[in-house]
Structures are given as structure tokens and as C-alpha cells.
């Protein structure tokens, strides 16, 4: 994905009310104090120019379970009666 497409995607998330959190590349370590931080367009561009990962801050209406391996995810899906079976998932590259 190019920088323009990435910026448009990030802005669309922000416009929907999500808090975007830039992360250290290949880690889940925030580069900002995410509890107090709301990214402006200039911030988005600055972090896009770097090798930055991204997270979305969850709240009571948005949840993102994180599993370290596919087997654990499959057990969770089966245990929950399949309620999340068709939910969007992300498979990070190794």
C-alpha cells in the first residue's frame, strides 16, 4: 500500500472515531502517549514517512482479540460457539 492510500485509510478510521496509535516497527510499543493522543493530519504524514506499525485503540464498542498462534485462535472460536467465526481477522506476516 502506498503512502497516499495509507493516509486515506488512516484518516477514514479517525473520521469514524477510532484513536490511531503509531507503534514501533515490528513491535506493539506505542510511539506516543496513546491515552491522551489524537493524531492530526501532519502527525499521520510524519509517522507514515517512517517505518511505523499502527494500532487502533479499542473501547467498549470495539474489541480486537490478539492470538499468538492459530491453534489458540481456533480453540477460542470453537469455545465461543462460533460467534466470531465470520469476523474480520488479520494474519501478520512472519
PDB file of N, CA and C in Angstrom:
ATOM      1  N   UNK A   1       0.852  -1.170   0.000  1.00  0.00           N
ATOM      2  CA  UNK A   1       0.000   0.000   0.000  1.00  0.00           C
ATOM      3  C   UNK A   1       0.895   1.228   0.000  1.00  0.00           C
ATOM      4  N   UNK A   2       0.597   2.185  -0.876  1.00  0.00           N
ATOM      5  CA  UNK A   2       1.430   3.391  -0.940  1.00  0.00           C
ATOM      6  C   UNK A   2       1.028   4.388   0.148  1.00  0.00           C
ATOM      7  N   UNK A   3       1.820   5.433   0.275  1.00  0.00           N
ATOM      8  CA  UNK A   3       1.612   6.428   1.340  1.00  0.00           C
ATOM      9  C   UNK A   3       0.262   7.131   1.244  1.00  0.00           C
ATOM     10  N   UNK A   4      -0.155   7.459   0.029  1.00  0.00           N
ATOM     11  CA  UNK A   4      -1.438   8.155  -0.160  1.00  0.00           C
ATOM     12  C   UNK A   4      -2.595   7.244   0.265  1.00  0.00           C
ATOM     13  N   UNK A   5      -2.563   5.991  -0.153  1.00  0.00           N
ATOM     14  CA  UNK A   5      -3.611   5.036   0.230  1.00  0.00           C
ATOM     15  C   UNK A   5      -3.620   4.811   1.732  1.00  0.00           C
ATOM     16  N   UNK A   6      -2.429   4.698   2.321  1.00  0.00           N
ATOM     17  CA  UNK A   6      -2.329   4.503   3.764  1.00  0.00           C
ATOM     18  C   UNK A   6      -2.902   5.699   4.509  1.00  0.00           C
ATOM     19  N   UNK A   7      -2.573   6.900   4.055  1.00  0.00           N
ATOM     20  CA  UNK A   7      -3.087   8.108   4.691  1.00  0.00           C
ATOM     21  C   UNK A   7      -4.610   8.157   4.598  1.00  0.00           C
ATOM     22  N   UNK A   8      -5.164   7.851   3.452  1.00  0.00           N
ATOM     23  CA  UNK A   8      -6.619   7.861   3.288  1.00  0.00           C
ATOM     24  C   UNK A   8      -7.275   6.847   4.220  1.00  0.00           C
ATOM     25  N   UNK A   9      -6.695   5.669   4.328  1.00  0.00           N
ATOM     26  CA  UNK A   9      -7.241   4.645   5.206  1.00  0.00           C
ATOM     27  C   UNK A   9      -7.190   5.084   6.666  1.00  0.00           C
ATOM     28  N   UNK A  10      -6.049   5.607   7.103  1.00  0.00           N
ATOM     29  CA  UNK A  10      -5.921   6.067   8.478  1.00  0.00           C
ATOM     30  C   UNK A  10      -6.884   7.203   8.780  1.00  0.00           C
ATOM     31  N   UNK A  11      -7.034   8.142   7.852  1.00  0.00           N
ATOM     32  CA  UNK A  11      -7.968   9.250   8.055  1.00  0.00           C
ATOM     33  C   UNK A  11      -9.407   8.742   8.143  1.00  0.00           C
ATOM     34  N   UNK A  12      -9.742   7.724   7.364  1.00  0.00           N
ATOM     35  CA  UNK A  12     -11.109   7.190   7.410  1.00  0.00           C
ATOM     36  C   UNK A  12     -11.386   6.546   8.771  1.00  0.00           C
ATOM     37  N   UNK A  13     -10.387   5.878   9.340  1.00  0.00           N
ATOM     38  CA  UNK A  13     -10.565   5.317  10.683  1.00  0.00           C
ATOM     39  C   UNK A  13     -10.750   6.427  11.707  1.00  0.00           C
ATOM     40  N   UNK A  14      -9.919   7.463  11.597  1.00  0.00           N
ATOM     41  CA  UNK A  14     -10.014   8.579  12.540  1.00  0.00           C
ATOM     42  C   UNK A  14     -11.370   9.269  12.430  1.00  0.00           C
ATOM     43  N   UNK A  15     -11.873   9.461  11.197  1.00  0.00           N
ATOM     44  CA  UNK A  15     -13.176  10.104  10.989  1.00  0.00           C
ATOM     45  C   UNK A  15     -14.314   9.280  11.576  1.00  0.00           C
ATOM     46  N   UNK A  16     -14.123   7.973  11.711  1.00  0.00           N
ATOM     47  CA  UNK A  16     -15.132   7.104  12.319  1.00  0.00           C
ATOM     48  C   UNK A  16     -15.031   7.092  13.844  1.00  0.00           C
ATOM     49  N   UNK A  17     -14.073   7.869  14.383  1.00  0.00           N
ATOM     50  CA  UNK A  17     -13.953   7.991  15.827  1.00  0.00           C
ATOM     51  C   UNK A  17     -12.916   7.091  16.472  1.00  0.00           C
ATOM     52  N   UNK A  18     -12.144   6.340  15.675  1.00  0.00           N
ATOM     53  CA  UNK A  18     -11.109   5.487  16.242  1.00  0.00           C
ATOM     54  C   UNK A  18      -9.876   6.302  16.591  1.00  0.00           C
ATOM     55  N   UNK A  19      -9.215   5.949  17.689  1.00  0.00           N
ATOM     56  CA  UNK A  19      -7.944   6.562  18.059  1.00  0.00           C
ATOM     57  C   UNK A  19      -6.831   5.730  17.447  1.00  0.00           C
ATOM     58  N   UNK A  20      -6.018   6.347  16.622  1.00  0.00           N
ATOM     59  CA  UNK A  20      -4.909   5.665  15.966  1.00  0.00           C
ATOM     60  C   UNK A  20      -3.652   5.796  16.799  1.00  0.00           C
ATOM     61  N   UNK A  21      -2.903   4.721  16.898  1.00  0.00           N
ATOM     62  CA  UNK A  21      -1.692   4.718  17.707  1.00  0.00           C
ATOM     63  C   UNK A  21      -0.524   4.222  16.855  1.00  0.00           C
ATOM     64  N   UNK A  22       0.466   5.079  16.583  1.00  0.00           N
ATOM     65  CA  UNK A  22       1.649   4.609  15.861  1.00  0.00           C
ATOM     66  C   UNK A  22       2.494   3.746  16.802  1.00  0.00           C
ATOM     67  N   UNK A  23       3.012   2.639  16.257  1.00  0.00           N
ATOM     68  CA  UNK A  23       3.788   1.694  17.050  1.00  0.00           C
ATOM     69  C   UNK A  23       5.206   1.568  16.514  1.00  0.00           C
ATOM     70  N   UNK A  24       6.105   1.187  17.389  1.00  0.00           N
ATOM     71  CA  UNK A  24       7.481   0.893  16.988  1.00  0.00           C
ATOM     72  C   UNK A  24       7.442  -0.232  15.952  1.00  0.00           C
ATOM     73  N   UNK A  25       8.209  -0.109  14.880  1.00  0.00           N
ATOM     74  CA  UNK A  25       8.192  -1.137  13.835  1.00  0.00           C
ATOM     75  C   UNK A  25       8.401  -2.547  14.384  1.00  0.00           C
ATOM     76  N   UNK A  26       7.518  -3.452  13.963  1.00  0.00           N
ATOM     77  CA  UNK A  26       7.543  -4.868  14.322  1.00  0.00           C
ATOM     78  C   UNK A  26       7.359  -5.144  15.812  1.00  0.00           C
ATOM     79  N   UNK A  27       6.850  -4.168  16.559  1.00  0.00           N
ATOM     80  CA  UNK A  27       6.568  -4.327  17.984  1.00  0.00           C
ATOM     81  C   UNK A  27       5.231  -3.687  18.301  1.00  0.00           C
ATOM     82  N   UNK A  28       4.701  -3.994  19.466  1.00  0.00           N
ATOM     83  CA  UNK A  28       3.446  -3.392  19.914  1.00  0.00           C
ATOM     84  C   UNK A  28       3.737  -2.335  20.982  1.00  0.00           C
ATOM     85  N   UNK A  29       4.747  -1.510  20.720  1.00  0.00           N
ATOM     86  CA  UNK A  29       5.155  -0.478  21.656  1.00  0.00           C
ATOM     87  C   UNK A  29       4.733   0.882  21.087  1.00  0.00           C
ATOM     88  N   UNK A  30       3.829   1.608  21.770  1.00  0.00           N
ATOM     89  CA  UNK A  30       3.369   2.908  21.264  1.00  0.00           C
ATOM     90  C   UNK A  30       4.505   3.922  21.173  1.00  0.00           C
ATOM     91  N   UNK A  31       4.464   4.730  20.110  1.00  0.00           N
ATOM     92  CA  UNK A  31       5.431   5.816  19.939  1.00  0.00           C
ATOM     93  C   UNK A  31       4.921   7.120  20.534  1.00  0.00           C
ATOM     94  N   UNK A  32       3.692   7.126  21.037  1.00  0.00           N
ATOM     95  CA  UNK A  32       3.082   8.310  21.652  1.00  0.00           C
ATOM     96  C   UNK A  32       2.353   7.874  22.912  1.00  0.00           C
ATOM     97  N   UNK A  33       1.988   8.841  23.756  1.00  0.00           N
ATOM     98  CA  UNK A  33       1.154   8.549  24.917  1.00  0.00           C
ATOM     99  C   UNK A  33      -0.278   8.404  24.424  1.00  0.00           C
ATOM    100  N   UNK A  34      -0.651   7.190  24.080  1.00  0.00           N
ATOM    101  CA  UNK A  34      -1.894   6.936  23.357  1.00  0.00           C
ATOM    102  C   UNK A  34      -3.149   7.285  24.125  1.00  0.00           C
ATOM    103  N   UNK A  35      -3.152   7.301  25.440  1.00  0.00           N
ATOM    104  CA  UNK A  35      -4.370   7.623  26.183  1.00  0.00           C
ATOM    105  C   UNK A  35      -4.773   9.085  25.998  1.00  0.00           C
ATOM    106  N   UNK A  36      -3.797   9.935  25.718  1.00  0.00           N
ATOM    107  CA  UNK A  36      -4.063  11.371  25.609  1.00  0.00           C
ATOM    108  C   UNK A  36      -3.908  11.886  24.185  1.00  0.00           C
ATOM    109  N   UNK A  37      -3.610  11.017  23.245  1.00  0.00           N
ATOM    110  CA  UNK A  37      -3.152  11.467  21.944  1.00  0.00           C
ATOM    111  C   UNK A  37      -4.190  11.237  20.856  1.00  0.00           C
ATOM    112  N   UNK A  38      -4.437  12.246  20.054  1.00  0.00           N
ATOM    113  CA  UNK A  38      -5.272  12.119  18.859  1.00  0.00           C
ATOM    114  C   UNK A  38      -4.453  12.672  17.696  1.00  0.00           C
ATOM    115  N   UNK A  39      -4.214  11.852  16.711  1.00  0.00           N
ATOM    116  CA  UNK A  39      -3.336  12.242  15.612  1.00  0.00           C
ATOM    117  C   UNK A  39      -3.980  13.240  14.667  1.00  0.00           C
ATOM    118  N   UNK A  40      -3.264  14.298  14.355  1.00  0.00           N
ATOM    119  CA  UNK A  40      -3.674  15.264  13.342  1.00  0.00           C
ATOM    120  C   UNK A  40      -3.105  14.809  11.997  1.00  0.00           C
ATOM    121  N   UNK A  41      -3.544  15.434  10.907  1.00  0.00           N
ATOM    122  CA  UNK A  41      -3.058  15.057   9.578  1.00  0.00           C
ATOM    123  C   UNK A  41      -1.537  15.128   9.473  1.00  0.00           C
ATOM    124  N   UNK A  42      -0.937  16.176  10.040  1.00  0.00           N
ATOM    125  CA  UNK A  42       0.527  16.304   9.998  1.00  0.00           C
ATOM    126  C   UNK A  42       1.199  15.143  10.719  1.00  0.00           C
ATOM    127  N   UNK A  43       0.604  14.700  11.837  1.00  0.00           N
ATOM    128  CA  UNK A  43       1.149  13.562  12.572  1.00  0.00           C
ATOM    129  C   UNK A  43       1.077  12.295  11.735  1.00  0.00           C
ATOM    130  N   UNK A  44      -0.066  12.078  11.087  1.00  0.00           N
ATOM    131  CA  UNK A  44      -0.222  10.893  10.233  1.00  0.00           C
ATOM    132  C   UNK A  44       0.858  10.871   9.163  1.00  0.00           C
ATOM    133  N   UNK A  45       1.078  12.008   8.511  1.00  0.00           N
ATOM    134  CA  UNK A  45       2.099  12.089   7.458  1.00  0.00           C
ATOM    135  C   UNK A  45       3.497  11.839   8.012  1.00  0.00           C
ATOM    136  N   UNK A  46       3.772  12.401   9.178  1.00  0.00           N
ATOM    137  CA  UNK A  46       5.097  12.234   9.782  1.00  0.00           C
ATOM    138  C   UNK A  46       5.372  10.765  10.094  1.00  0.00           C
ATOM    139  N   UNK A  47       4.397  10.075  10.689  1.00  0.00           N
ATOM    140  CA  UNK A  47       4.596   8.670  11.021  1.00  0.00           C
ATOM    141  C   UNK A  47       4.570   7.781   9.782  1.00  0.00           C
ATOM    142  N   UNK A  48       3.808   8.152   8.769  1.00  0.00           N
ATOM    143  CA  UNK A  48       3.804   7.379   7.529  1.00  0.00           C
ATOM    144  C   UNK A  48       5.151   7.434   6.823  1.00  0.00           C
ATOM    145  N   UNK A  49       5.883   8.526   7.015  1.00  0.00           N
ATOM    146  CA  UNK A  49       7.198   8.662   6.393  1.00  0.00           C
ATOM    147  C   UNK A  49       8.228   7.747   7.061  1.00  0.00           C
ATOM    148  N   UNK A  50       7.889   7.230   8.236  1.00  0.00           N
ATOM    149  CA  UNK A  50       8.770   6.320   8.955  1.00  0.00           C
ATOM    150  C   UNK A  50       8.281   4.881   8.750  1.00  0.00           C
ATOM    151  N   UNK A  51       9.060   3.945   9.194  1.00  0.00           N
ATOM    152  CA  UNK A  51       8.666   2.537   9.158  1.00  0.00           C
ATOM    153  C   UNK A  51       7.839   2.269  10.406  1.00  0.00           C
ATOM    154  N   UNK A  52       6.547   2.613  10.357  1.00  0.00           N
ATOM    155  CA  UNK A  52       5.689   2.581  11.534  1.00  0.00           C
ATOM    156  C   UNK A  52       4.609   1.520  11.406  1.00  0.00           C
ATOM    157  N   UNK A  53       4.360   0.794  12.486  1.00  0.00           N
ATOM    158  CA  UNK A  53       3.190  -0.071  12.579  1.00  0.00           C
ATOM    159  C   UNK A  53       2.061   0.759  13.149  1.00  0.00           C
ATOM    160  N   UNK A  54       0.820   0.242  13.046  1.00  0.00           N
ATOM    161  CA  UNK A  54      -0.330   1.001  13.529  1.00  0.00           C
ATOM    162  C   UNK A  54      -1.238   0.119  14.373  1.00  0.00           C
ATOM    163  N   UNK A  55      -1.863   0.741  15.335  1.00  0.00           N
ATOM    164  CA  UNK A  55      -2.873   0.083  16.156  1.00  0.00           C
ATOM    165  C   UNK A  55      -4.072   1.006  16.253  1.00  0.00           C
ATOM    166  N   UNK A  56      -5.199   0.442  16.589  1.00  0.00           N
ATOM    167  CA  UNK A  56      -6.407   1.215  16.860  1.00  0.00           C
ATOM    168  C   UNK A  56      -6.773   0.967  18.310  1.00  0.00           C
ATOM    169  N   UNK A  57      -6.934   2.044  19.059  1.00  0.00           N
ATOM    170  CA  UNK A  57      -7.297   1.924  20.467  1.00  0.00           C
ATOM    171  C   UNK A  57      -8.732   1.429  20.565  1.00  0.00           C
ATOM    172  N   UNK A  58      -8.918   0.346  21.281  1.00  0.00           N
ATOM    173  CA  UNK A  58     -10.250  -0.242  21.435  1.00  0.00           C
ATOM    174  C   UNK A  58     -10.994   0.429  22.586  1.00  0.00           C
ATOM    175  N   UNK A  59     -12.319   0.276  22.559  1.00  0.00           N
ATOM    176  CA  UNK A  59     -13.151   0.751  23.658  1.00  0.00           C
ATOM    177  C   UNK A  59     -14.254  -0.270  23.887  1.00  0.00           C
ATOM    178  N   UNK A  60     -15.265   0.094  24.639  1.00  0.00           N
ATOM    179  CA  UNK A  60     -16.319  -0.871  24.973  1.00  0.00           C
ATOM    180  C   UNK A  60     -17.139  -1.319  23.755  1.00  0.00           C
ATOM    181  N   UNK A  61     -17.048  -0.601  22.644  1.00  0.00           N
ATOM    182  CA  UNK A  61     -17.808  -0.956  21.445  1.00  0.00           C
ATOM    183  C   UNK A  61     -16.953  -1.603  20.352  1.00  0.00           C
ATOM    184  N   UNK A  62     -15.662  -1.722  20.594  1.00  0.00           N
ATOM    185  CA  UNK A  62     -14.753  -2.253  19.573  1.00  0.00           C
ATOM    186  C   UNK A  62     -13.702  -3.102  20.257  1.00  0.00           C
ATOM    187  N   UNK A  63     -13.629  -4.365  19.881  1.00  0.00           N
ATOM    188  CA  UNK A  63     -12.700  -5.299  20.513  1.00  0.00           C
ATOM    189  C   UNK A  63     -11.837  -5.965  19.452  1.00  0.00           C
ATOM    190  N   UNK A  64     -10.606  -6.244  19.806  1.00  0.00           N
ATOM    191  CA  UNK A  64      -9.688  -6.895  18.882  1.00  0.00           C
ATOM    192  C   UNK A  64      -8.873  -7.944  19.643  1.00  0.00           C
ATOM    193  N   UNK A  65      -9.396  -9.157  19.743  1.00  0.00           N
ATOM    194  CA  UNK A  65      -8.617 -10.213  20.402  1.00  0.00           C
ATOM    195  C   UNK A  65      -7.311 -10.447  19.644  1.00  0.00           C
ATOM    196  N   UNK A  66      -6.255 -10.721  20.376  1.00  0.00           N
ATOM    197  CA  UNK A  66      -4.927 -10.912  19.787  1.00  0.00           C
ATOM    198  C   UNK A  66      -4.413 -12.285  20.206  1.00  0.00           C
ATOM    199  N   UNK A  67      -4.164 -13.156  19.235  1.00  0.00           N
ATOM    200  CA  UNK A  67      -3.687 -14.505  19.498  1.00  0.00           C
ATOM    201  C   UNK A  67      -2.312 -14.683  18.875  1.00  0.00           C
ATOM    202  N   UNK A  68      -1.420 -15.325  19.623  1.00  0.00           N
ATOM    203  CA  UNK A  68      -0.063 -15.526  19.127  1.00  0.00           C
ATOM    204  C   UNK A  68       0.079 -16.714  18.186  1.00  0.00           C
ATOM    205  N   UNK A  69      -0.900 -17.608  18.176  1.00  0.00           N
ATOM    206  CA  UNK A  69      -0.822 -18.727  17.239  1.00  0.00           C
ATOM    207  C   UNK A  69      -2.211 -19.150  16.782  1.00  0.00           C
ATOM    208  N   UNK A  70      -2.323 -19.712  15.598  1.00  0.00           N
ATOM    209  CA  UNK A  70      -3.621 -20.079  15.015  1.00  0.00           C
ATOM    210  C   UNK A  70      -4.383 -21.118  15.838  1.00  0.00           C
ATOM    211  N   UNK A  71      -3.691 -22.017  16.508  1.00  0.00           N
ATOM    212  CA  UNK A  71      -4.371 -23.049  17.291  1.00  0.00           C
ATOM    213  C   UNK A  71      -5.154 -22.436  18.452  1.00  0.00           C
ATOM    214  N   UNK A  72      -4.553 -21.460  19.120  1.00  0.00           N
ATOM    215  CA  UNK A  72      -5.239 -20.783  20.220  1.00  0.00           C
ATOM    216  C   UNK A  72      -6.472 -20.050  19.698  1.00  0.00           C
ATOM    217  N   UNK A  73      -6.334 -19.397  18.562  1.00  0.00           N
ATOM    218  CA  UNK A  73      -7.467 -18.706  17.936  1.00  0.00           C
ATOM    219  C   UNK A  73      -8.584 -19.694  17.629  1.00  0.00           C
ATOM    220  N   UNK A  74      -8.258 -20.829  17.025  1.00  0.00           N
ATOM    221  CA  UNK A  74      -9.277 -21.829  16.674  1.00  0.00           C
ATOM    222  C   UNK A  74      -9.982 -22.352  17.917  1.00  0.00           C
ATOM    223  N   UNK A  75      -9.247 -22.608  18.996  1.00  0.00           N
ATOM    224  CA  UNK A  75      -9.883 -23.062  20.247  1.00  0.00           C
ATOM    225  C   UNK A  75     -10.833 -21.993  20.783  1.00  0.00           C
ATOM    226  N   UNK A  76     -10.423 -20.737  20.710  1.00  0.00           N
ATOM    227  CA  UNK A  76     -11.283 -19.647  21.176  1.00  0.00           C
ATOM    228  C   UNK A  76     -12.573 -19.589  20.356  1.00  0.00           C
ATOM    229  N   UNK A  77     -12.451 -19.661  19.042  1.00  0.00           N
ATOM    230  CA  UNK A  77     -13.624 -19.602  18.163  1.00  0.00           C
ATOM    231  C   UNK A  77     -14.573 -20.759  18.466  1.00  0.00           C
ATOM    232  N   UNK A  78     -14.048 -21.943  18.628  1.00  0.00           N
ATOM    233  CA  UNK A  78     -14.885 -23.103  18.924  1.00  0.00           C
ATOM    234  C   UNK A  78     -15.546 -22.952  20.288  1.00  0.00           C
ATOM    235  N   UNK A  79     -14.815 -22.465  21.282  1.00  0.00           N
ATOM    236  CA  UNK A  79     -15.345 -22.291  22.637  1.00  0.00           C
ATOM    237  C   UNK A  79     -16.416 -21.225  22.727  1.00  0.00           C
ATOM    238  N   UNK A  80     -16.384 -20.250  21.855  1.00  0.00           N
ATOM    239  CA  UNK A  80     -17.374 -19.172  21.869  1.00  0.00           C
ATOM    240  C   UNK A  80     -18.592 -19.513  21.025  1.00  0.00           C
ATOM    241  N   UNK A  81     -18.732 -20.753  20.613  1.00  0.00           N
ATOM    242  CA  UNK A  81     -19.883 -21.164  19.825  1.00  0.00           C
ATOM    243  C   UNK A  81     -19.875 -20.605  18.415  1.00  0.00           C
ATOM    244  N   UNK A  82     -18.718 -20.177  17.943  1.00  0.00           N
ATOM    245  CA  UNK A  82     -18.611 -19.694  16.576  1.00  0.00           C
ATOM    246  C   UNK A  82     -19.131 -18.285  16.364  1.00  0.00           C
ATOM    247  N   UNK A  83     -19.424 -17.545  17.434  1.00  0.00           N
ATOM    248  CA  UNK A  83     -19.995 -16.196  17.288  1.00  0.00           C
ATOM    249  C   UNK A  83     -19.069 -15.268  16.497  1.00  0.00           C
ATOM    250  N   UNK A  84     -17.757 -15.491  16.587  1.00  0.00           N
ATOM    251  CA  UNK A  84     -16.801 -14.648  15.863  1.00  0.00           C
ATOM    252  C   UNK A  84     -16.236 -15.329  14.622  1.00  0.00           C
ATOM    253  N   UNK A  85     -16.815 -16.450  14.246  1.00  0.00           N
ATOM    254  CA  UNK A  85     -16.288 -17.232  13.136  1.00  0.00           C
ATOM    255  C   UNK A  85     -16.133 -16.429  11.839  1.00  0.00           C
ATOM    256  N   UNK A  86     -17.059 -15.543  11.563  1.00  0.00           N
ATOM    257  CA  UNK A  86     -17.016 -14.752  10.330  1.00  0.00           C
ATOM    258  C   UNK A  86     -16.509 -13.332  10.529  1.00  0.00           C
ATOM    259  N   UNK A  87     -15.957 -13.058  11.721  1.00  0.00           N
ATOM    260  CA  UNK A  87     -15.431 -11.726  11.998  1.00  0.00           C
ATOM    261  C   UNK A  87     -14.147 -11.509  11.199  1.00  0.00           C
ATOM    262  N   UNK A  88     -13.844 -10.255  10.832  1.00  0.00           N
ATOM    263  CA  UNK A  88     -12.592  -9.974  10.118  1.00  0.00           C
ATOM    264  C   UNK A  88     -11.397 -10.380  10.972  1.00  0.00           C
ATOM    265  N   UNK A  89     -10.376 -10.918  10.340  1.00  0.00           N
ATOM    266  CA  UNK A  89      -9.156 -11.300  11.048  1.00  0.00           C
ATOM    267  C   UNK A  89      -7.950 -10.781  10.277  1.00  0.00           C
ATOM    268  N   UNK A  90      -6.858 -10.648  11.007  1.00  0.00           N
ATOM    269  CA  UNK A  90      -5.592 -10.229  10.416  1.00  0.00           C
ATOM    270  C   UNK A  90      -4.572 -11.312  10.706  1.00  0.00           C
ATOM    271  N   UNK A  91      -3.849 -11.706   9.681  1.00  0.00           N
ATOM    272  CA  UNK A  91      -2.784 -12.682   9.817  1.00  0.00           C
ATOM    273  C   UNK A  91      -1.476 -11.984   9.501  1.00  0.00           C
ATOM    274  N   UNK A  92      -0.723 -11.585  10.542  1.00  0.00           N
ATOM    275  CA  UNK A  92       0.532 -10.860  10.269  1.00  0.00           C
ATOM    276  C   UNK A  92       1.539 -11.744   9.565  1.00  0.00           C
ATOM    277  N   UNK A  93       2.331 -11.135   8.729  1.00  0.00           N
ATOM    278  CA  UNK A  93       3.380 -11.895   8.050  1.00  0.00           C
ATOM    279  C   UNK A  93       4.526 -12.134   9.022  1.00  0.00           C
ATOM    280  N   UNK A  94       5.196 -13.214   8.815  1.00  0.00           N
ATOM    281  CA  UNK A  94       6.318 -13.578   9.718  1.00  0.00           C
ATOM    282  C   UNK A  94       7.550 -12.772   9.410  1.00  0.00           C
TER     283      UNK A  94
END
